[in-house]
Amino acid sequence: MINDASNSNPNANSIPNPAQSTAEQLAQWADQLRHMSANGLTFANNIYDRENYQHIQTIAMGLMALATGQTLAEIEPLRGPIFSRPMPLPTVDAAIINSQGQILLIQRADNQKWAMPGGGTDVGESPAQAAAREALEESGVRCQPIALVAVHDSRLCGSKPRHQLYMITFLCLPLDGGIFHEPVSHAHEVLDKGWFAQDALPADLDPGHVTRIPEAFRVWRGDKTAYFDRA
């Protein structure tokens, strides 16, 4: 939860936070510059302002490359889909829990950690539709979202993405008996998958899912109050 000083000072996020590593602070500043430059490019009405905001955008990309150990050339493909978007990025996760009280988890290929299936949203679909689509694409399991579990700020739940995310979790009912349909369209993103009881979760959970999975079980057990960060 953000402290009172951060709430009262609009520039607080620009002050170095001793709890963050240098790379984490650089990534946060890069994300703030991404937002400001994209917002400026949206409303700039002359070529000089546009050139300045484009320069700020390139600086943001350079900072992000420095923070993540990548090259600017590796970051460049993100200029259009990510760095030109003037907002925190929305993502969704499907907390699919079966009648035996087991949750479906995937082992991510990018960091080898276990997590709920999920990802980014597409234009033209609702967040719930996006959660069901992502679950099918990554695991092959069809599901029906039935309740909102939580809306988390990625900065406050242990997640370590390059950009600030609004992470929306839905409790989902598995369809077709929870079978794994093949082929899986995004199989390259997943190393393994399986069903796990809450007291038998994998040890190597993705940090951003450690606190969110218990929230999903809480809602599954009947508490329909959706969690959100109170800051």
C-alpha atoms as a PDB file:
ATOM      1  CA  MET A   1       0.000   0.000   0.000  1.00  0.00           C
ATOM      2  CA  ILE A   2       1.295   3.470  -0.866  1.00  0.00           C
ATOM      3  CA  ASN A   3       2.160   5.507   2.201  1.00  0.00           C
ATOM      4  CA  ASP A   4       0.555   8.838   3.100  1.00  0.00           C
ATOM      5  CA  ALA A   5       3.546  10.833   1.884  1.00  0.00           C
ATOM      6  CA  SER A   6       3.237   9.319  -1.580  1.00  0.00           C
ATOM      7  CA  ASN A   7      -0.464  10.105  -1.664  1.00  0.00           C
ATOM      8  CA  SER A   8      -0.003  13.734  -0.708  1.00  0.00           C
ATOM      9  CA  ASN A   9       2.844  14.486  -3.089  1.00  0.00           C
ATOM     10  CA  PRO A  10       2.109  14.170  -6.825  1.00  0.00           C
ATOM     11  CA  ASN A  11       5.847  13.954  -7.514  1.00  0.00           C
ATOM     12  CA  ALA A  12       6.499  11.262  -4.899  1.00  0.00           C
ATOM     13  CA  ASN A  13       7.005   8.547  -7.497  1.00  0.00           C
ATOM     14  CA  SER A  14       9.916  10.560  -8.922  1.00  0.00           C
ATOM     15  CA  ILE A  15      11.782  10.397  -5.602  1.00  0.00           C
ATOM     16  CA  PRO A  16      14.179   7.429  -5.278  1.00  0.00           C
ATOM     17  CA  ASN A  17      12.653   4.703  -3.130  1.00  0.00           C
ATOM     18  CA  PRO A  18      15.253   2.970  -0.905  1.00  0.00           C
ATOM     19  CA  ALA A  19      13.128  -0.196  -0.958  1.00  0.00           C
ATOM     20  CA  GLN A  20      13.643  -0.527  -4.708  1.00  0.00           C
ATOM     21  CA  SER A  21      16.749  -1.703  -6.482  1.00  0.00           C
ATOM     22  CA  THR A  22      18.435   0.643  -8.938  1.00  0.00           C
ATOM     23  CA  ALA A  23      17.025  -1.386 -11.848  1.00  0.00           C
ATOM     24  CA  GLU A  24      13.496  -1.247 -10.411  1.00  0.00           C
ATOM     25  CA  GLN A  25      13.712   2.518  -9.930  1.00  0.00           C
ATOM     26  CA  LEU A  26      15.051   3.020 -13.465  1.00  0.00           C
ATOM     27  CA  ALA A  27      12.205   0.898 -14.842  1.00  0.00           C
ATOM     28  CA  GLN A  28       9.632   2.947 -12.911  1.00  0.00           C
ATOM     29  CA  TRP A  29      11.064   6.227 -14.193  1.00  0.00           C
ATOM     30  CA  ALA A  30      11.138   4.817 -17.719  1.00  0.00           C
ATOM     31  CA  ASP A  31       7.481   3.848 -17.376  1.00  0.00           C
ATOM     32  CA  GLN A  32       6.572   7.321 -16.151  1.00  0.00           C
ATOM     33  CA  LEU A  33       8.375   8.868 -19.124  1.00  0.00           C
ATOM     34  CA  ARG A  34       6.582   6.391 -21.410  1.00  0.00           C
ATOM     35  CA  HIS A  35       3.249   7.595 -20.079  1.00  0.00           C
ATOM     36  CA  MET A  36       4.120  11.294 -20.281  1.00  0.00           C
ATOM     37  CA  SER A  37       5.543  11.079 -23.796  1.00  0.00           C
ATOM     38  CA  ALA A  38       2.624   9.020 -25.115  1.00  0.00           C
ATOM     39  CA  ASN A  39       0.129  11.385 -23.518  1.00  0.00           C
ATOM     40  CA  GLY A  40       1.979  14.359 -24.973  1.00  0.00           C
ATOM     41  CA  LEU A  41       2.066  12.836 -28.456  1.00  0.00           C
ATOM     42  CA  THR A  42      -1.687  12.287 -28.238  1.00  0.00           C
ATOM     43  CA  PHE A  43      -2.426  15.969 -27.672  1.00  0.00           C
ATOM     44  CA  ALA A  44       0.578  17.819 -29.183  1.00  0.00           C
ATOM     45  CA  ASN A  45      -0.602  20.287 -31.831  1.00  0.00           C
ATOM     46  CA  ASN A  46       2.684  21.377 -33.378  1.00  0.00           C
ATOM     47  CA  ILE A  47       5.734  19.677 -34.829  1.00  0.00           C
ATOM     48  CA  TYR A  48       8.106  21.021 -32.174  1.00  0.00           C
ATOM     49  CA  ASP A  49       6.161  19.517 -29.295  1.00  0.00           C
ATOM     50  CA  ARG A  50       5.858  16.233 -31.162  1.00  0.00           C
ATOM     51  CA  GLU A  51       9.606  16.094 -31.760  1.00  0.00           C
ATOM     52  CA  ASN A  52      10.256  16.747 -28.057  1.00  0.00           C
ATOM     53  CA  TYR A  53       7.821  14.072 -26.913  1.00  0.00           C
ATOM     54  CA  GLN A  54       9.271  11.591 -29.400  1.00  0.00           C
ATOM     55  CA  HIS A  55      12.711  12.341 -27.960  1.00  0.00           C
ATOM     56  CA  ILE A  56      11.378  11.732 -24.424  1.00  0.00           C
ATOM     57  CA  GLN A  57       9.893   8.457 -25.671  1.00  0.00           C
ATOM     58  CA  THR A  58      13.296   7.357 -26.966  1.00  0.00           C
ATOM     59  CA  ILE A  59      14.887   8.308 -23.630  1.00  0.00           C
ATOM     60  CA  ALA A  60      12.239   6.199 -21.863  1.00  0.00           C
ATOM     61  CA  MET A  61      13.089   3.242 -24.067  1.00  0.00           C
ATOM     62  CA  GLY A  62      16.791   3.710 -23.380  1.00  0.00           C
ATOM     63  CA  LEU A  63      16.166   3.794 -19.632  1.00  0.00           C
ATOM     64  CA  MET A  64      14.064   0.639 -19.860  1.00  0.00           C
ATOM     65  CA  ALA A  65      16.819  -1.092 -21.826  1.00  0.00           C
ATOM     66  CA  LEU A  66      19.325  -0.088 -19.148  1.00  0.00           C
ATOM     67  CA  ALA A  67      17.022  -1.306 -16.357  1.00  0.00           C
ATOM     68  CA  THR A  68      16.372  -4.693 -17.968  1.00  0.00           C
ATOM     69  CA  GLY A  69      19.812  -5.407 -19.426  1.00  0.00           C
ATOM     70  CA  GLN A  70      18.496  -5.317 -22.982  1.00  0.00           C
ATOM     71  CA  THR A  71      19.680  -3.315 -25.966  1.00  0.00           C
ATOM     72  CA  LEU A  72      17.738  -0.414 -27.416  1.00  0.00           C
ATOM     73  CA  ALA A  73      17.310  -2.492 -30.587  1.00  0.00           C
ATOM     74  CA  GLU A  74      15.573  -5.193 -28.524  1.00  0.00           C
ATOM     75  CA  ILE A  75      13.252  -2.591 -26.964  1.00  0.00           C
ATOM     76  CA  GLU A  76      12.469  -0.861 -30.280  1.00  0.00           C
ATOM     77  CA  PRO A  77       9.647  -3.273 -31.322  1.00  0.00           C
ATOM     78  CA  LEU A  78       7.755  -2.106 -28.212  1.00  0.00           C
ATOM     79  CA  ARG A  79       7.645   1.534 -29.375  1.00  0.00           C
ATOM     80  CA  GLY A  80       4.254   1.205 -31.071  1.00  0.00           C
ATOM     81  CA  PRO A  81       2.315  -1.298 -28.929  1.00  0.00           C
ATOM     82  CA  ILE A  82       3.700  -0.293 -25.506  1.00  0.00           C
ATOM     83  CA  PHE A  83       5.578   3.010 -25.401  1.00  0.00           C
ATOM     84  CA  SER A  84       2.915   4.847 -27.386  1.00  0.00           C
ATOM     85  CA  ARG A  85       0.163   3.958 -24.898  1.00  0.00           C
ATOM     86  CA  PRO A  86      -0.476   6.744 -22.337  1.00  0.00           C
ATOM     87  CA  MET A  87      -1.754   4.631 -19.456  1.00  0.00           C
ATOM     88  CA  PRO A  88      -0.981   1.724 -17.114  1.00  0.00           C
ATOM     89  CA  LEU A  89      -1.464  -1.500 -19.054  1.00  0.00           C
ATOM     90  CA  PRO A  90      -4.468  -3.756 -18.236  1.00  0.00           C
ATOM     91  CA  THR A  91      -3.922  -7.492 -17.875  1.00  0.00           C
ATOM     92  CA  VAL A  92      -6.218 -10.340 -16.835  1.00  0.00           C
ATOM     93  CA  ASP A  93      -5.761 -13.680 -15.076  1.00  0.00           C
ATOM     94  CA  ALA A  94      -8.091 -16.671 -14.935  1.00  0.00           C
ATOM     95  CA  ALA A  95      -8.320 -18.323 -11.520  1.00  0.00           C
ATOM     96  CA  ILE A  96      -9.850 -21.609 -12.689  1.00  0.00           C
ATOM     97  CA  ILE A  97     -10.798 -23.726  -9.667  1.00  0.00           C
ATOM     98  CA  ASN A  98     -12.511 -27.092 -10.084  1.00  0.00           C
ATOM     99  CA  SER A  99     -15.028 -28.825  -7.832  1.00  0.00           C
ATOM    100  CA  GLN A 100     -12.203 -30.613  -5.990  1.00  0.00           C
ATOM    101  CA  GLY A 101     -10.743 -27.263  -4.903  1.00  0.00           C
ATOM    102  CA  GLN A 102      -7.803 -27.403  -7.288  1.00  0.00           C
ATOM    103  CA  ILE A 103      -6.575 -24.379  -9.229  1.00  0.00           C
ATOM    104  CA  LEU A 104      -5.140 -24.574 -12.737  1.00  0.00           C
ATOM    105  CA  LEU A 105      -1.590 -23.219 -12.970  1.00  0.00           C
ATOM    106  CA  ILE A 106       0.851 -22.980 -15.842  1.00  0.00           C
ATOM    107  CA  GLN A 107       4.634 -22.909 -15.700  1.00  0.00           C
ATOM    108  CA  ARG A 108       5.690 -19.869 -17.675  1.00  0.00           C
ATOM    109  CA  ALA A 109       8.386 -20.275 -20.295  1.00  0.00           C
ATOM    110  CA  ASP A 110       9.854 -16.804 -19.714  1.00  0.00           C
ATOM    111  CA  ASN A 111      10.746 -17.161 -16.032  1.00  0.00           C
ATOM    112  CA  GLN A 112      10.009 -20.846 -15.289  1.00  0.00           C
ATOM    113  CA  LYS A 113       7.613 -19.800 -12.494  1.00  0.00           C
ATOM    114  CA  TRP A 114       4.105 -21.169 -11.896  1.00  0.00           C
ATOM    115  CA  ALA A 115       1.177 -18.769 -12.350  1.00  0.00           C
ATOM    116  CA  MET A 116      -2.475 -18.495 -13.246  1.00  0.00           C
ATOM    117  CA  PRO A 117      -2.996 -18.303 -17.017  1.00  0.00           C
ATOM    118  CA  GLY A 118      -3.491 -14.767 -18.247  1.00  0.00           C
ATOM    119  CA  GLY A 119      -2.194 -11.899 -20.322  1.00  0.00           C
ATOM    120  CA  GLY A 120      -3.112  -8.711 -22.116  1.00  0.00           C
ATOM    121  CA  THR A 121      -6.528  -7.680 -23.361  1.00  0.00           C
ATOM    122  CA  ASP A 122      -7.524  -7.119 -26.989  1.00  0.00           C
ATOM    123  CA  VAL A 123      -9.666  -4.330 -28.394  1.00  0.00           C
ATOM    124  CA  GLY A 124     -13.228  -5.550 -28.873  1.00  0.00           C
ATOM    125  CA  GLU A 125     -13.375  -7.966 -25.924  1.00  0.00           C
ATOM    126  CA  SER A 126     -14.377  -7.519 -22.307  1.00  0.00           C
ATOM    127  CA  PRO A 127     -11.861  -8.249 -19.531  1.00  0.00           C
ATOM    128  CA  ALA A 128     -13.741 -11.458 -18.678  1.00  0.00           C
ATOM    129  CA  GLN A 129     -13.640 -12.592 -22.309  1.00  0.00           C
ATOM    130  CA  ALA A 130      -9.918 -11.858 -22.379  1.00  0.00           C
ATOM    131  CA  ALA A 131      -9.339 -14.010 -19.276  1.00  0.00           C
ATOM    132  CA  ALA A 132     -11.186 -16.969 -20.828  1.00  0.00           C
ATOM    133  CA  ARG A 133      -9.309 -16.540 -24.120  1.00  0.00           C
ATOM    134  CA  GLU A 134      -5.912 -16.360 -22.440  1.00  0.00           C
ATOM    135  CA  ALA A 135      -6.677 -19.472 -20.379  1.00  0.00           C
ATOM    136  CA  LEU A 136      -7.594 -21.444 -23.485  1.00  0.00           C
ATOM    137  CA  GLU A 137      -4.599 -20.176 -25.460  1.00  0.00           C
ATOM    138  CA  GLU A 138      -2.081 -21.019 -22.731  1.00  0.00           C
ATOM    139  CA  SER A 139      -3.544 -24.161 -21.136  1.00  0.00           C
ATOM    140  CA  GLY A 140      -6.124 -25.605 -23.512  1.00  0.00           C
ATOM    141  CA  VAL A 141      -8.767 -25.455 -20.760  1.00  0.00           C
ATOM    142  CA  ARG A 142     -12.093 -23.803 -21.560  1.00  0.00           C
ATOM    143  CA  CYS A 143     -13.601 -21.802 -18.722  1.00  0.00           C
ATOM    144  CA  GLN A 144     -16.387 -19.420 -17.784  1.00  0.00           C
ATOM    145  CA  PRO A 145     -15.601 -16.370 -15.600  1.00  0.00           C
ATOM    146  CA  ILE A 146     -18.152 -16.229 -12.781  1.00  0.00           C
ATOM    147  CA  ALA A 147     -16.863 -13.602 -10.309  1.00  0.00           C
ATOM    148  CA  LEU A 148     -14.404 -10.740 -10.007  1.00  0.00           C
ATOM    149  CA  VAL A 149     -11.658 -11.654  -7.537  1.00  0.00           C
ATOM    150  CA  ALA A 150      -9.457  -8.576  -7.466  1.00  0.00           C
ATOM    151  CA  VAL A 151      -7.885  -5.622  -9.197  1.00  0.00           C
ATOM    152  CA  HIS A 152      -4.218  -5.257  -8.251  1.00  0.00           C
ATOM    153  CA  ASP A 153      -1.592  -2.653  -9.026  1.00  0.00           C
ATOM    154  CA  SER A 154       1.471  -4.616 -10.130  1.00  0.00           C
ATOM    155  CA  ARG A 155       3.707  -2.385  -8.005  1.00  0.00           C
ATOM    156  CA  LEU A 156       1.937  -3.451  -4.798  1.00  0.00           C
ATOM    157  CA  CYS A 157       1.546  -7.228  -5.101  1.00  0.00           C
ATOM    158  CA  GLY A 158       5.097  -8.479  -5.598  1.00  0.00           C
ATOM    159  CA  SER A 159       4.994  -8.548  -9.378  1.00  0.00           C
ATOM    160  CA  LYS A 160       8.104  -7.378 -11.231  1.00  0.00           C
ATOM    161  CA  PRO A 161       6.983  -6.377 -14.741  1.00  0.00           C
ATOM    162  CA  ARG A 162       8.791  -3.754 -16.784  1.00  0.00           C
ATOM    163  CA  HIS A 163       5.663  -1.583 -16.898  1.00  0.00           C
ATOM    164  CA  GLN A 164       2.949  -0.704 -14.388  1.00  0.00           C
ATOM    165  CA  LEU A 165       0.007  -3.057 -14.837  1.00  0.00           C
ATOM    166  CA  TYR A 166      -3.571  -3.123 -13.614  1.00  0.00           C
ATOM    167  CA  MET A 167      -4.003  -6.857 -12.969  1.00  0.00           C
ATOM    168  CA  ILE A 168      -7.624  -8.087 -13.014  1.00  0.00           C
ATOM    169  CA  THR A 169      -8.309 -11.579 -11.666  1.00  0.00           C
ATOM    170  CA  PHE A 170     -11.498 -13.516 -12.381  1.00  0.00           C
ATOM    171  CA  LEU A 171     -12.736 -16.662 -10.652  1.00  0.00           C
ATOM    172  CA  CYS A 172     -13.557 -19.106 -13.429  1.00  0.00           C
ATOM    173  CA  LEU A 173     -15.515 -22.331 -13.708  1.00  0.00           C
ATOM    174  CA  PRO A 174     -13.787 -25.017 -15.805  1.00  0.00           C
ATOM    175  CA  LEU A 175     -15.863 -26.304 -18.712  1.00  0.00           C
ATOM    176  CA  ASP A 176     -15.804 -29.748 -20.373  1.00  0.00           C
ATOM    177  CA  GLY A 177     -14.664 -31.289 -17.093  1.00  0.00           C
ATOM    178  CA  GLY A 178     -11.476 -29.235 -17.115  1.00  0.00           C
ATOM    179  CA  ILE A 179      -9.856 -31.345 -19.828  1.00  0.00           C
ATOM    180  CA  PHE A 180      -6.849 -30.007 -21.728  1.00  0.00           C
ATOM    181  CA  HIS A 181      -7.925 -29.386 -25.300  1.00  0.00           C
ATOM    182  CA  GLU A 182      -5.247 -29.824 -27.952  1.00  0.00           C
ATOM    183  CA  PRO A 183      -3.583 -28.265 -29.768  1.00  0.00           C
ATOM    184  CA  VAL A 184      -2.772 -25.312 -27.518  1.00  0.00           C
ATOM    185  CA  SER A 185      -2.285 -22.204 -29.642  1.00  0.00           C
ATOM    186  CA  HIS A 186       0.255 -20.542 -27.323  1.00  0.00           C
ATOM    187  CA  ALA A 187       2.053 -23.681 -26.165  1.00  0.00           C
ATOM    188  CA  HIS A 188       5.418 -21.963 -26.674  1.00  0.00           C
ATOM    189  CA  GLU A 189       4.635 -19.717 -23.691  1.00  0.00           C
ATOM    190  CA  VAL A 190       4.130 -22.647 -21.309  1.00  0.00           C
ATOM    191  CA  LEU A 191       6.541 -25.322 -20.030  1.00  0.00           C
ATOM    192  CA  ASP A 192       4.022 -27.306 -17.988  1.00  0.00           C
ATOM    193  CA  LYS A 193       0.537 -27.120 -16.503  1.00  0.00           C
ATOM    194  CA  GLY A 194      -1.470 -28.837 -13.813  1.00  0.00           C
ATOM    195  CA  TRP A 195      -4.152 -28.725 -11.130  1.00  0.00           C
ATOM    196  CA  PHE A 196      -3.095 -27.919  -7.546  1.00  0.00           C
ATOM    197  CA  ALA A 197      -4.820 -27.822  -4.162  1.00  0.00           C
ATOM    198  CA  GLN A 198      -4.225 -24.665  -2.138  1.00  0.00           C
ATOM    199  CA  ASP A 199      -2.123 -26.565   0.414  1.00  0.00           C
ATOM    200  CA  ALA A 200      -0.033 -28.196  -2.330  1.00  0.00           C
ATOM    201  CA  LEU A 201       0.940 -25.304  -4.593  1.00  0.00           C
ATOM    202  CA  PRO A 202       4.293 -25.368  -6.404  1.00  0.00           C
ATOM    203  CA  ALA A 203       7.146 -23.863  -4.398  1.00  0.00           C
ATOM    204  CA  ASP A 204       8.325 -21.703  -7.280  1.00  0.00           C
ATOM    205  CA  LEU A 205       5.255 -19.510  -7.753  1.00  0.00           C
ATOM    206  CA  ASP A 206       5.560 -16.308  -9.750  1.00  0.00           C
ATOM    207  CA  PRO A 207       5.973 -13.549  -7.116  1.00  0.00           C
ATOM    208  CA  GLY A 208       2.978 -11.635  -8.457  1.00  0.00           C
ATOM    209  CA  HIS A 209       0.712 -14.649  -7.897  1.00  0.00           C
ATOM    210  CA  VAL A 210       1.728 -15.565  -4.340  1.00  0.00           C
ATOM    211  CA  THR A 211      -0.787 -13.179  -2.762  1.00  0.00           C
ATOM    212  CA  ARG A 212      -3.373 -13.262  -5.549  1.00  0.00           C
ATOM    213  CA  ILE A 213      -4.004 -17.022  -5.578  1.00  0.00           C
ATOM    214  CA  PRO A 214      -5.282 -16.980  -1.953  1.00  0.00           C
ATOM    215  CA  GLU A 215      -7.645 -14.175  -2.968  1.00  0.00           C
ATOM    216  CA  ALA A 216      -9.059 -16.470  -5.660  1.00  0.00           C
ATOM    217  CA  PHE A 217      -9.647 -19.281  -3.155  1.00  0.00           C
ATOM    218  CA  ARG A 218     -11.301 -16.804  -0.775  1.00  0.00           C
ATOM    219  CA  VAL A 219     -13.847 -15.860  -3.428  1.00  0.00           C
ATOM    220  CA  TRP A 220     -14.273 -19.510  -4.468  1.00  0.00           C
ATOM    221  CA  ARG A 221     -15.213 -20.330  -0.854  1.00  0.00           C
ATOM    222  CA  GLY A 222     -18.055 -17.820  -0.974  1.00  0.00           C
ATOM    223  CA  ASP A 223     -16.693 -14.401  -0.049  1.00  0.00           C
ATOM    224  CA  LYS A 224     -17.704 -12.404  -3.128  1.00  0.00           C
ATOM    225  CA  THR A 225     -16.022  -9.151  -2.034  1.00  0.00           C
ATOM    226  CA  ALA A 226     -13.531  -8.144  -4.725  1.00  0.00           C
ATOM    227  CA  TYR A 227     -10.124  -7.030  -3.472  1.00  0.00           C
ATOM    228  CA  PHE A 228      -8.556  -3.748  -4.568  1.00  0.00           C
ATOM    229  CA  ASP A 229      -5.512  -1.815  -3.346  1.00  0.00           C
ATOM    230  CA  ARG A 230      -6.641   0.749  -0.796  1.00  0.00           C
ATOM    231  CA  ALA A 231      -4.211   3.615  -1.141  1.00  0.00           C
END
